[in-house]
Amino acid sequence: MSSIGEVVGAELYLTEMTKIPQRYWVVASLVVFVTLGATVALAVGTLVTSFGFDWRIAFWFGAAIAIIGAVARTNLRETSGFH
């Protein structure tokens, strides 16, 4: 549920950074990949709970994704409206 705020922020960022012809496809692709990510998260949750793996494995996946996200955020440039 908290990831919805991240999706809206990403949509706004992509809307401001891309030109009109590509803007629609870029934002639509974001929605597709968010849905794909939710499906993968559901699959990981199902695997972790059904095969008796410890719940800590899911937290390791989350930690890896958080590190990748932190690195990506530090390397993003500001949109032209804030220069």
C-alpha atoms as a PDB file:
ATOM      1  CA  MET A   1       0.000   0.000   0.000  1.00  0.00           C
ATOM      2  CA  SER A   2       2.805   2.442   0.734  1.00  0.00           C
ATOM      3  CA  SER A   3       4.288   1.873  -2.708  1.00  0.00           C
ATOM      4  CA  ILE A   4       1.402   3.756  -4.331  1.00  0.00           C
ATOM      5  CA  GLY A   5       3.037   7.029  -3.277  1.00  0.00           C
ATOM      6  CA  GLU A   6       6.219   5.923  -4.995  1.00  0.00           C
ATOM      7  CA  VAL A   7       4.322   5.121  -8.183  1.00  0.00           C
ATOM      8  CA  VAL A   8       2.672   8.536  -8.278  1.00  0.00           C
ATOM      9  CA  GLY A   9       6.039  10.222  -7.737  1.00  0.00           C
ATOM     10  CA  ALA A  10       7.589   8.163 -10.515  1.00  0.00           C
ATOM     11  CA  GLU A  11       4.709   9.008 -12.859  1.00  0.00           C
ATOM     12  CA  LEU A  12       5.148  12.713 -12.164  1.00  0.00           C
ATOM     13  CA  TYR A  13       8.907  12.519 -12.660  1.00  0.00           C
ATOM     14  CA  LEU A  14       8.565  10.669 -15.956  1.00  0.00           C
ATOM     15  CA  THR A  15       5.841  13.049 -17.125  1.00  0.00           C
ATOM     16  CA  GLU A  16       8.099  16.036 -16.506  1.00  0.00           C
ATOM     17  CA  MET A  17      11.238  14.466 -17.987  1.00  0.00           C
ATOM     18  CA  THR A  18       9.928  13.030 -21.268  1.00  0.00           C
ATOM     19  CA  LYS A  19       8.764  14.788 -24.387  1.00  0.00           C
ATOM     20  CA  ILE A  20       5.150  14.622 -25.575  1.00  0.00           C
ATOM     21  CA  PRO A  21       5.413  11.856 -28.204  1.00  0.00           C
ATOM     22  CA  GLN A  22       7.049   9.371 -25.836  1.00  0.00           C
ATOM     23  CA  ARG A  23       5.425  10.542 -22.612  1.00  0.00           C
ATOM     24  CA  TYR A  24       2.324   8.373 -22.879  1.00  0.00           C
ATOM     25  CA  TRP A  25       4.224   5.166 -23.634  1.00  0.00           C
ATOM     26  CA  VAL A  26       6.764   5.787 -20.886  1.00  0.00           C
ATOM     27  CA  VAL A  27       4.120   6.327 -18.208  1.00  0.00           C
ATOM     28  CA  ALA A  28       2.082   3.370 -19.490  1.00  0.00           C
ATOM     29  CA  SER A  29       5.205   1.196 -19.339  1.00  0.00           C
ATOM     30  CA  LEU A  30       5.689   2.241 -15.728  1.00  0.00           C
ATOM     31  CA  VAL A  31       2.205   0.995 -14.877  1.00  0.00           C
ATOM     32  CA  VAL A  32       2.902  -2.310 -16.642  1.00  0.00           C
ATOM     33  CA  PHE A  33       6.159  -2.815 -14.729  1.00  0.00           C
ATOM     34  CA  VAL A  34       4.517  -1.907 -11.416  1.00  0.00           C
ATOM     35  CA  THR A  35       1.913  -4.590 -12.061  1.00  0.00           C
ATOM     36  CA  LEU A  36       4.648  -7.052 -13.010  1.00  0.00           C
ATOM     37  CA  GLY A  37       6.518  -6.213  -9.806  1.00  0.00           C
ATOM     38  CA  ALA A  38       3.409  -6.812  -7.717  1.00  0.00           C
ATOM     39  CA  THR A  39       2.978 -10.190  -9.404  1.00  0.00           C
ATOM     40  CA  VAL A  40       6.588 -11.138  -8.665  1.00  0.00           C
ATOM     41  CA  ALA A  41       6.130 -10.044  -5.044  1.00  0.00           C
ATOM     42  CA  LEU A  42       3.055 -12.238  -4.794  1.00  0.00           C
ATOM     43  CA  ALA A  43       4.990 -15.187  -6.238  1.00  0.00           C
ATOM     44  CA  VAL A  44       7.881 -14.675  -3.810  1.00  0.00           C
ATOM     45  CA  GLY A  45       5.445 -14.455  -0.912  1.00  0.00           C
ATOM     46  CA  THR A  46       3.743 -17.641  -2.021  1.00  0.00           C
ATOM     47  CA  LEU A  47       7.052 -19.494  -2.361  1.00  0.00           C
ATOM     48  CA  VAL A  48       8.329 -18.311   0.998  1.00  0.00           C
ATOM     49  CA  THR A  49       5.189 -19.366   2.847  1.00  0.00           C
ATOM     50  CA  SER A  50       4.433 -22.601   1.016  1.00  0.00           C
ATOM     51  CA  PHE A  51       7.815 -24.309   1.077  1.00  0.00           C
ATOM     52  CA  GLY A  52       8.642 -23.547   4.685  1.00  0.00           C
ATOM     53  CA  PHE A  53      11.384 -21.056   3.875  1.00  0.00           C
ATOM     54  CA  ASP A  54      11.929 -18.605   6.597  1.00  0.00           C
ATOM     55  CA  TRP A  55      10.259 -15.221   6.256  1.00  0.00           C
ATOM     56  CA  ARG A  56      13.694 -13.594   6.486  1.00  0.00           C
ATOM     57  CA  ILE A  57      14.366 -14.476   2.842  1.00  0.00           C
ATOM     58  CA  ALA A  58      11.680 -12.041   1.725  1.00  0.00           C
ATOM     59  CA  PHE A  59      13.321  -9.317   3.801  1.00  0.00           C
ATOM     60  CA  TRP A  60      16.654  -9.968   2.043  1.00  0.00           C
ATOM     61  CA  PHE A  61      14.921  -9.429  -1.310  1.00  0.00           C
ATOM     62  CA  GLY A  62      13.403  -6.222   0.035  1.00  0.00           C
ATOM     63  CA  ALA A  63      16.754  -5.019   1.355  1.00  0.00           C
ATOM     64  CA  ALA A  64      18.370  -5.560  -2.040  1.00  0.00           C
ATOM     65  CA  ILE A  65      15.592  -3.629  -3.763  1.00  0.00           C
ATOM     66  CA  ALA A  66      15.872  -0.810  -1.194  1.00  0.00           C
ATOM     67  CA  ILE A  67      19.605  -0.470  -1.825  1.00  0.00           C
ATOM     68  CA  ILE A  68      19.066  -0.357  -5.585  1.00  0.00           C
ATOM     69  CA  GLY A  69      16.340   2.264  -5.099  1.00  0.00           C
ATOM     70  CA  ALA A  70      18.542   4.411  -2.858  1.00  0.00           C
ATOM     71  CA  VAL A  71      21.372   4.364  -5.392  1.00  0.00           C
ATOM     72  CA  ALA A  72      18.969   5.203  -8.215  1.00  0.00           C
ATOM     73  CA  ARG A  73      17.491   8.150  -6.315  1.00  0.00           C
ATOM     74  CA  THR A  74      20.875   9.680  -5.594  1.00  0.00           C
ATOM     75  CA  ASN A  75      21.759   9.555  -9.301  1.00  0.00           C
ATOM     76  CA  LEU A  76      18.517  11.071 -10.662  1.00  0.00           C
ATOM     77  CA  ARG A  77      18.738  14.623 -11.950  1.00  0.00           C
ATOM     78  CA  GLU A  78      16.212  17.341 -11.192  1.00  0.00           C
ATOM     79  CA  THR A  79      13.487  18.115 -13.680  1.00  0.00           C
ATOM     80  CA  SER A  80      13.833  21.269 -15.763  1.00  0.00           C
ATOM     81  CA  GLY A  81      11.172  23.052 -13.719  1.00  0.00           C
ATOM     82  CA  PHE A  82      13.404  23.059 -10.632  1.00  0.00           C
ATOM     83  CA  HIS A  83      16.704  24.202 -12.169  1.00  0.00           C
END
